[in-house]
Amino acid sequence: MSKQDAHEITKQVEFMLSQNLNNSQAYQVASMTYFYFLDDQNVELSKKLLDIIERKGNEDEVAYDRMLYRILIEKKSEDISFVNELLSKNSDDQQQGILQYLLGLQYQYLSDVKQANYYFNKAKKNLKGTPYHKKVKESMI
């Protein structure tokens, strides 16, 4: 994963999942790779991994991962209140930055440029020095 070779990563994950894994092993593979495939916009593998997580993950993790799928893959904006709730409960700058980025995306899907840029600017500040900083800048309108 550190080499960012999407083809090889996809091939390896698909190979691992094709093996005769028990639910716990499949869950480990899914939970370790889900965010990578969301970020890579791999719809098919993201859905497959989410299905595995839904079978074995705890309620909070499943709710969060479903929300990420709706925002990052389906491009939906129905989770604004949920993300705001998470934002109010989290004081870590990087976590806040990710949540602000997710809010910015949702407002962008609603064509609310002012709100989208408001959250993207906050996210950009909180995610400075992380791989998401560039992603936030690219998302700004």
N, C-alpha and C. Protein backbone atom coordinates (compact mmCIF):
# COMPACT_ATOMS: atom_id res chain seq x y z
N MET A 1 0.82 -1.20 0.00
CA MET A 1 0.00 0.00 0.00
C MET A 1 0.86 1.26 0.00
N SER A 2 1.99 1.20 0.66
CA SER A 2 2.84 2.38 0.73
C SER A 2 3.39 2.78 -0.64
N LYS A 3 3.44 1.82 -1.57
CA LYS A 3 3.90 2.12 -2.92
C LYS A 3 2.81 2.74 -3.78
N GLN A 4 1.56 2.71 -3.28
CA GLN A 4 0.42 3.27 -4.00
C GLN A 4 0.24 2.63 -5.38
N ASP A 5 0.52 1.35 -5.49
CA ASP A 5 0.32 0.62 -6.74
C ASP A 5 -1.09 0.04 -6.72
N ALA A 6 -2.04 0.81 -7.22
CA ALA A 6 -3.47 0.45 -7.13
C ALA A 6 -3.76 -0.91 -7.77
N HIS A 7 -3.14 -1.18 -8.89
CA HIS A 7 -3.38 -2.45 -9.57
C HIS A 7 -2.93 -3.63 -8.71
N GLU A 8 -1.75 -3.54 -8.17
CA GLU A 8 -1.21 -4.63 -7.34
C GLU A 8 -1.99 -4.78 -6.04
N ILE A 9 -2.36 -3.66 -5.44
CA ILE A 9 -3.13 -3.71 -4.20
C ILE A 9 -4.49 -4.39 -4.45
N THR A 10 -5.14 -3.98 -5.52
CA THR A 10 -6.43 -4.57 -5.88
C THR A 10 -6.29 -6.07 -6.10
N LYS A 11 -5.27 -6.44 -6.84
CA LYS A 11 -5.03 -7.85 -7.14
C LYS A 11 -4.82 -8.65 -5.84
N GLN A 12 -4.02 -8.12 -4.94
CA GLN A 12 -3.72 -8.83 -3.69
C GLN A 12 -4.96 -8.96 -2.80
N VAL A 13 -5.73 -7.88 -2.69
CA VAL A 13 -6.93 -7.92 -1.85
C VAL A 13 -7.95 -8.88 -2.44
N GLU A 14 -8.15 -8.82 -3.73
CA GLU A 14 -9.09 -9.75 -4.37
C GLU A 14 -8.63 -11.20 -4.19
N PHE A 15 -7.32 -11.43 -4.27
CA PHE A 15 -6.79 -12.78 -4.04
C PHE A 15 -7.08 -13.22 -2.60
N MET A 16 -6.77 -12.36 -1.64
CA MET A 16 -7.01 -12.72 -0.23
C MET A 16 -8.48 -13.03 0.01
N LEU A 17 -9.37 -12.22 -0.55
CA LEU A 17 -10.80 -12.43 -0.33
C LEU A 17 -11.33 -13.67 -1.05
N SER A 18 -10.61 -14.11 -2.08
CA SER A 18 -11.05 -15.31 -2.79
C SER A 18 -10.67 -16.60 -2.06
N GLN A 19 -9.82 -16.46 -1.06
CA GLN A 19 -9.41 -17.62 -0.27
C GLN A 19 -10.54 -18.03 0.67
N ASN A 20 -10.42 -19.17 1.24
CA ASN A 20 -11.44 -19.68 2.15
C ASN A 20 -11.24 -19.06 3.54
N LEU A 21 -11.58 -17.78 3.67
CA LEU A 21 -11.40 -17.06 4.93
C LEU A 21 -12.63 -17.21 5.81
N ASN A 22 -12.40 -17.27 7.11
CA ASN A 22 -13.54 -17.22 8.02
C ASN A 22 -13.97 -15.75 8.14
N ASN A 23 -15.08 -15.49 8.81
CA ASN A 23 -15.61 -14.12 8.91
C ASN A 23 -14.62 -13.16 9.55
N SER A 24 -13.91 -13.61 10.58
CA SER A 24 -12.94 -12.73 11.25
C SER A 24 -11.78 -12.37 10.34
N GLN A 25 -11.28 -13.32 9.59
CA GLN A 25 -10.18 -13.04 8.67
C GLN A 25 -10.62 -12.11 7.54
N ALA A 26 -11.80 -12.36 6.99
CA ALA A 26 -12.32 -11.50 5.93
C ALA A 26 -12.52 -10.08 6.47
N TYR A 27 -13.03 -9.98 7.70
CA TYR A 27 -13.23 -8.66 8.32
C TYR A 27 -11.90 -7.93 8.48
N GLN A 28 -10.86 -8.64 8.88
CA GLN A 28 -9.54 -8.00 9.03
C GLN A 28 -9.07 -7.40 7.71
N VAL A 29 -9.18 -8.18 6.65
CA VAL A 29 -8.78 -7.69 5.32
C VAL A 29 -9.62 -6.47 4.95
N ALA A 30 -10.93 -6.57 5.15
CA ALA A 30 -11.84 -5.49 4.77
C ALA A 30 -11.56 -4.22 5.56
N SER A 31 -11.41 -4.34 6.87
CA SER A 31 -11.23 -3.14 7.70
C SER A 31 -9.88 -2.48 7.45
N MET A 32 -8.88 -3.27 7.06
CA MET A 32 -7.55 -2.71 6.79
C MET A 32 -7.47 -2.03 5.43
N THR A 33 -8.35 -2.38 4.50
CA THR A 33 -8.22 -1.86 3.14
C THR A 33 -9.39 -0.99 2.67
N TYR A 34 -10.46 -0.95 3.43
CA TYR A 34 -11.67 -0.23 3.02
C TYR A 34 -11.40 1.24 2.67
N PHE A 35 -10.68 1.94 3.53
CA PHE A 35 -10.44 3.36 3.31
C PHE A 35 -9.60 3.59 2.06
N TYR A 36 -8.67 2.70 1.80
CA TYR A 36 -7.85 2.83 0.60
C TYR A 36 -8.73 2.80 -0.65
N PHE A 37 -9.64 1.84 -0.71
CA PHE A 37 -10.47 1.69 -1.91
C PHE A 37 -11.54 2.77 -2.02
N LEU A 38 -12.00 3.29 -0.88
CA LEU A 38 -12.89 4.46 -0.93
C LEU A 38 -12.14 5.63 -1.56
N ASP A 39 -10.93 5.86 -1.06
CA ASP A 39 -10.12 6.98 -1.53
C ASP A 39 -9.77 6.82 -3.01
N ASP A 40 -9.59 5.58 -3.44
CA ASP A 40 -9.26 5.28 -4.83
C ASP A 40 -10.50 5.29 -5.73
N GLN A 41 -11.69 5.49 -5.13
CA GLN A 41 -12.96 5.51 -5.85
C GLN A 41 -13.24 4.19 -6.56
N ASN A 42 -12.81 3.08 -5.96
CA ASN A 42 -13.07 1.76 -6.51
C ASN A 42 -14.44 1.31 -5.99
N VAL A 43 -15.47 1.54 -6.78
CA VAL A 43 -16.85 1.29 -6.37
C VAL A 43 -17.08 -0.18 -6.03
N GLU A 44 -16.67 -1.05 -6.92
CA GLU A 44 -16.94 -2.48 -6.76
C GLU A 44 -16.29 -3.05 -5.49
N LEU A 45 -15.00 -2.76 -5.31
CA LEU A 45 -14.31 -3.32 -4.15
C LEU A 45 -14.74 -2.64 -2.85
N SER A 46 -15.02 -1.35 -2.92
CA SER A 46 -15.52 -0.65 -1.72
C SER A 46 -16.82 -1.27 -1.23
N LYS A 47 -17.72 -1.57 -2.16
CA LYS A 47 -19.00 -2.18 -1.79
C LYS A 47 -18.78 -3.57 -1.21
N LYS A 48 -17.92 -4.34 -1.83
CA LYS A 48 -17.63 -5.69 -1.36
C LYS A 48 -17.05 -5.66 0.06
N LEU A 49 -16.13 -4.74 0.31
CA LEU A 49 -15.52 -4.62 1.63
C LEU A 49 -16.53 -4.13 2.66
N LEU A 50 -17.38 -3.20 2.26
CA LEU A 50 -18.42 -2.71 3.18
C LEU A 50 -19.36 -3.86 3.56
N ASP A 51 -19.71 -4.69 2.62
CA ASP A 51 -20.57 -5.84 2.92
C ASP A 51 -19.93 -6.75 3.97
N ILE A 52 -18.64 -6.95 3.87
CA ILE A 52 -17.92 -7.78 4.85
C ILE A 52 -17.91 -7.09 6.21
N ILE A 53 -17.64 -5.79 6.23
CA ILE A 53 -17.61 -5.03 7.48
C ILE A 53 -18.98 -5.06 8.15
N GLU A 54 -20.03 -4.97 7.36
CA GLU A 54 -21.39 -4.99 7.91
C GLU A 54 -21.70 -6.31 8.62
N ARG A 55 -21.10 -7.39 8.19
CA ARG A 55 -21.34 -8.69 8.82
C ARG A 55 -20.62 -8.85 10.15
N LYS A 56 -19.49 -8.19 10.33
CA LYS A 56 -18.66 -8.45 11.50
C LYS A 56 -18.37 -7.21 12.37
N GLY A 57 -18.51 -6.01 11.81
CA GLY A 57 -18.14 -4.80 12.52
C GLY A 57 -19.15 -4.42 13.59
N ASN A 58 -18.70 -3.57 14.52
CA ASN A 58 -19.63 -3.09 15.54
C ASN A 58 -20.52 -2.00 14.95
N GLU A 59 -21.59 -1.70 15.67
CA GLU A 59 -22.63 -0.79 15.17
C GLU A 59 -22.09 0.58 14.77
N ASP A 60 -21.22 1.18 15.60
CA ASP A 60 -20.67 2.50 15.30
C ASP A 60 -19.79 2.48 14.06
N GLU A 61 -18.96 1.44 13.96
CA GLU A 61 -18.07 1.32 12.80
C GLU A 61 -18.88 1.16 11.51
N VAL A 62 -19.89 0.33 11.56
CA VAL A 62 -20.73 0.09 10.38
C VAL A 62 -21.44 1.38 9.97
N ALA A 63 -21.98 2.12 10.93
CA ALA A 63 -22.66 3.38 10.62
C ALA A 63 -21.69 4.37 9.97
N TYR A 64 -20.49 4.47 10.51
CA TYR A 64 -19.48 5.39 9.97
C TYR A 64 -19.06 4.96 8.56
N ASP A 65 -18.81 3.67 8.38
CA ASP A 65 -18.38 3.18 7.07
C ASP A 65 -19.47 3.31 6.01
N ARG A 66 -20.72 3.11 6.41
CA ARG A 66 -21.83 3.32 5.47
C ARG A 66 -21.90 4.79 5.06
N MET A 67 -21.73 5.67 6.04
CA MET A 67 -21.75 7.10 5.76
C MET A 67 -20.65 7.46 4.77
N LEU A 68 -19.44 6.94 4.98
CA LEU A 68 -18.34 7.22 4.05
C LEU A 68 -18.67 6.75 2.64
N TYR A 69 -19.28 5.58 2.53
CA TYR A 69 -19.64 5.04 1.23
C TYR A 69 -20.66 5.96 0.53
N ARG A 70 -21.65 6.40 1.29
CA ARG A 70 -22.67 7.28 0.68
C ARG A 70 -22.04 8.58 0.18
N ILE A 71 -21.12 9.15 0.97
CA ILE A 71 -20.54 10.44 0.60
C ILE A 71 -19.49 10.28 -0.50
N LEU A 72 -18.55 9.37 -0.31
CA LEU A 72 -17.41 9.29 -1.22
C LEU A 72 -17.67 8.50 -2.50
N ILE A 73 -18.55 7.52 -2.44
CA ILE A 73 -18.81 6.69 -3.62
C ILE A 73 -20.13 7.08 -4.29
N GLU A 74 -21.20 7.16 -3.51
CA GLU A 74 -22.51 7.47 -4.10
C GLU A 74 -22.72 8.96 -4.31
N LYS A 75 -21.85 9.79 -3.73
CA LYS A 75 -21.93 11.26 -3.87
C LYS A 75 -23.25 11.81 -3.35
N LYS A 76 -23.67 11.31 -2.19
CA LYS A 76 -24.92 11.75 -1.58
C LYS A 76 -24.64 12.77 -0.48
N SER A 77 -25.67 13.52 -0.14
CA SER A 77 -25.52 14.58 0.85
C SER A 77 -26.47 14.42 2.03
N GLU A 78 -26.88 13.20 2.31
CA GLU A 78 -27.87 12.96 3.37
C GLU A 78 -27.26 12.84 4.77
N ASP A 79 -25.96 12.96 4.88
CA ASP A 79 -25.30 12.74 6.17
C ASP A 79 -24.77 14.01 6.81
N ILE A 80 -25.25 15.14 6.41
CA ILE A 80 -24.74 16.40 6.97
C ILE A 80 -24.95 16.46 8.48
N SER A 81 -26.12 16.13 8.96
CA SER A 81 -26.37 16.20 10.41
C SER A 81 -25.54 15.17 11.16
N PHE A 82 -25.39 13.97 10.61
CA PHE A 82 -24.57 12.93 11.24
C PHE A 82 -23.12 13.37 11.34
N VAL A 83 -22.58 13.94 10.27
CA VAL A 83 -21.18 14.40 10.28
C VAL A 83 -21.02 15.57 11.23
N ASN A 84 -21.99 16.49 11.28
CA ASN A 84 -21.93 17.60 12.24
C ASN A 84 -21.93 17.08 13.68
N GLU A 85 -22.71 16.05 13.93
CA GLU A 85 -22.75 15.45 15.27
C GLU A 85 -21.38 14.86 15.62
N LEU A 86 -20.77 14.15 14.68
CA LEU A 86 -19.44 13.59 14.91
C LEU A 86 -18.42 14.70 15.12
N LEU A 87 -18.54 15.76 14.36
CA LEU A 87 -17.63 16.90 14.45
C LEU A 87 -17.69 17.54 15.83
N SER A 88 -18.89 17.66 16.38
CA SER A 88 -19.05 18.29 17.70
C SER A 88 -18.48 17.42 18.83
N LYS A 89 -18.32 16.12 18.57
CA LYS A 89 -17.81 15.19 19.59
C LYS A 89 -16.31 14.96 19.49
N ASN A 90 -15.67 15.51 18.46
CA ASN A 90 -14.27 15.19 18.21
C ASN A 90 -13.41 16.44 18.28
N SER A 91 -12.34 16.40 19.08
CA SER A 91 -11.48 17.57 19.23
C SER A 91 -10.14 17.42 18.51
N ASP A 92 -9.84 16.25 17.98
CA ASP A 92 -8.60 16.03 17.26
C ASP A 92 -8.62 16.79 15.93
N ASP A 93 -7.59 17.61 15.68
CA ASP A 93 -7.56 18.45 14.48
C ASP A 93 -7.68 17.66 13.19
N GLN A 94 -6.95 16.54 13.08
CA GLN A 94 -7.01 15.77 11.84
C GLN A 94 -8.37 15.12 11.65
N GLN A 95 -8.94 14.58 12.72
CA GLN A 95 -10.28 13.99 12.62
C GLN A 95 -11.29 15.07 12.25
N GLN A 96 -11.17 16.24 12.88
CA GLN A 96 -12.06 17.34 12.53
C GLN A 96 -11.90 17.72 11.07
N GLY A 97 -10.65 17.74 10.60
CA GLY A 97 -10.38 18.08 9.20
C GLY A 97 -11.04 17.11 8.24
N ILE A 98 -10.98 15.84 8.55
CA ILE A 98 -11.62 14.83 7.69
C ILE A 98 -13.13 15.02 7.68
N LEU A 99 -13.70 15.27 8.85
CA LEU A 99 -15.15 15.48 8.93
C LEU A 99 -15.55 16.77 8.21
N GLN A 100 -14.73 17.81 8.32
CA GLN A 100 -15.01 19.06 7.61
C GLN A 100 -14.92 18.85 6.09
N TYR A 101 -13.98 18.05 5.67
CA TYR A 101 -13.87 17.69 4.25
C TYR A 101 -15.13 16.97 3.78
N LEU A 102 -15.62 16.03 4.59
CA LEU A 102 -16.84 15.30 4.25
C LEU A 102 -18.05 16.24 4.18
N LEU A 103 -18.09 17.21 5.07
CA LEU A 103 -19.17 18.21 5.01
C LEU A 103 -19.05 19.05 3.75
N GLY A 104 -17.83 19.47 3.44
CA GLY A 104 -17.61 20.25 2.23
C GLY A 104 -18.06 19.51 0.97
N LEU A 105 -17.74 18.23 0.91
CA LEU A 105 -18.17 17.43 -0.24
C LEU A 105 -19.69 17.39 -0.35
N GLN A 106 -20.36 17.18 0.78
CA GLN A 106 -21.81 17.09 0.74
C GLN A 106 -22.45 18.40 0.30
N TYR A 107 -21.92 19.53 0.79
CA TYR A 107 -22.45 20.83 0.35
C TYR A 107 -22.14 21.06 -1.13
N GLN A 108 -21.00 20.55 -1.58
CA GLN A 108 -20.66 20.65 -2.99
C GLN A 108 -21.68 19.86 -3.84
N TYR A 109 -22.07 18.70 -3.38
CA TYR A 109 -23.07 17.90 -4.09
C TYR A 109 -24.41 18.63 -4.17
N LEU A 110 -24.68 19.47 -3.16
CA LEU A 110 -25.91 20.26 -3.13
C LEU A 110 -25.77 21.58 -3.90
N SER A 111 -24.59 21.80 -4.49
CA SER A 111 -24.27 23.03 -5.22
C SER A 111 -24.27 24.26 -4.33
N ASP A 112 -24.00 24.08 -3.05
CA ASP A 112 -23.89 25.20 -2.10
C ASP A 112 -22.41 25.54 -1.97
N VAL A 113 -21.94 26.35 -2.91
CA VAL A 113 -20.52 26.69 -3.02
C VAL A 113 -20.01 27.38 -1.75
N LYS A 114 -20.81 28.27 -1.20
CA LYS A 114 -20.37 29.03 -0.02
C LYS A 114 -20.11 28.09 1.16
N GLN A 115 -21.05 27.21 1.46
CA GLN A 115 -20.88 26.28 2.58
C GLN A 115 -19.77 25.27 2.28
N ALA A 116 -19.70 24.81 1.04
CA ALA A 116 -18.67 23.85 0.66
C ALA A 116 -17.28 24.44 0.91
N ASN A 117 -17.06 25.65 0.43
CA ASN A 117 -15.75 26.29 0.61
C ASN A 117 -15.47 26.63 2.07
N TYR A 118 -16.51 26.96 2.83
CA TYR A 118 -16.35 27.22 4.26
C TYR A 118 -15.74 25.99 4.94
N TYR A 119 -16.30 24.82 4.68
CA TYR A 119 -15.79 23.60 5.30
C TYR A 119 -14.47 23.15 4.69
N PHE A 120 -14.29 23.34 3.39
CA PHE A 120 -13.01 22.98 2.78
C PHE A 120 -11.88 23.82 3.34
N ASN A 121 -12.12 25.12 3.57
CA ASN A 121 -11.08 25.97 4.16
C ASN A 121 -10.71 25.52 5.56
N LYS A 122 -11.70 25.16 6.36
CA LYS A 122 -11.42 24.65 7.70
C LYS A 122 -10.64 23.33 7.61
N ALA A 123 -11.06 22.46 6.71
CA ALA A 123 -10.40 21.16 6.55
C ALA A 123 -8.96 21.35 6.09
N LYS A 124 -8.76 22.27 5.17
CA LYS A 124 -7.41 22.52 4.64
C LYS A 124 -6.46 22.91 5.78
N LYS A 125 -6.94 23.73 6.68
CA LYS A 125 -6.12 24.15 7.83
C LYS A 125 -5.83 22.97 8.76
N ASN A 126 -6.85 22.17 9.06
CA ASN A 126 -6.68 21.05 10.00
C ASN A 126 -5.93 19.87 9.39
N LEU A 127 -5.87 19.79 8.07
CA LEU A 127 -5.22 18.65 7.43
C LEU A 127 -3.87 19.00 6.80
N LYS A 128 -3.37 20.19 7.12
CA LYS A 128 -2.07 20.61 6.59
C LYS A 128 -1.00 19.58 6.96
N GLY A 129 -0.21 19.20 5.97
CA GLY A 129 0.85 18.23 6.19
C GLY A 129 0.40 16.78 6.10
N THR A 130 -0.85 16.55 5.72
CA THR A 130 -1.35 15.18 5.56
C THR A 130 -1.64 14.94 4.07
N PRO A 131 -1.81 13.68 3.69
CA PRO A 131 -2.15 13.40 2.28
C PRO A 131 -3.49 14.01 1.86
N TYR A 132 -4.37 14.27 2.81
CA TYR A 132 -5.69 14.82 2.47
C TYR A 132 -5.64 16.31 2.17
N HIS A 133 -4.59 17.00 2.57
CA HIS A 133 -4.49 18.45 2.33
C HIS A 133 -4.63 18.75 0.84
N LYS A 134 -3.91 18.00 0.02
CA LYS A 134 -3.97 18.20 -1.43
C LYS A 134 -5.38 17.88 -1.96
N LYS A 135 -5.97 16.83 -1.45
CA LYS A 135 -7.31 16.41 -1.88
C LYS A 135 -8.33 17.51 -1.57
N VAL A 136 -8.22 18.13 -0.42
CA VAL A 136 -9.12 19.21 -0.04
C VAL A 136 -8.92 20.40 -0.99
N LYS A 137 -7.68 20.77 -1.23
CA LYS A 137 -7.41 21.89 -2.14
C LYS A 137 -7.98 21.64 -3.54
N GLU A 138 -7.88 20.39 -4.01
CA GLU A 138 -8.40 20.05 -5.33
C GLU A 138 -9.93 20.11 -5.36
N SER A 139 -10.56 19.92 -4.21
CA SER A 139 -12.02 19.91 -4.15
C SER A 139 -12.63 21.31 -4.10
N MET A 140 -11.80 22.28 -3.72
CA MET A 140 -12.33 23.63 -3.55
C MET A 140 -12.78 24.21 -4.87
N ILE A 141 -13.87 24.97 -4.79
CA ILE A 141 -14.48 25.58 -5.99
C ILE A 141 -14.02 27.01 -6.12
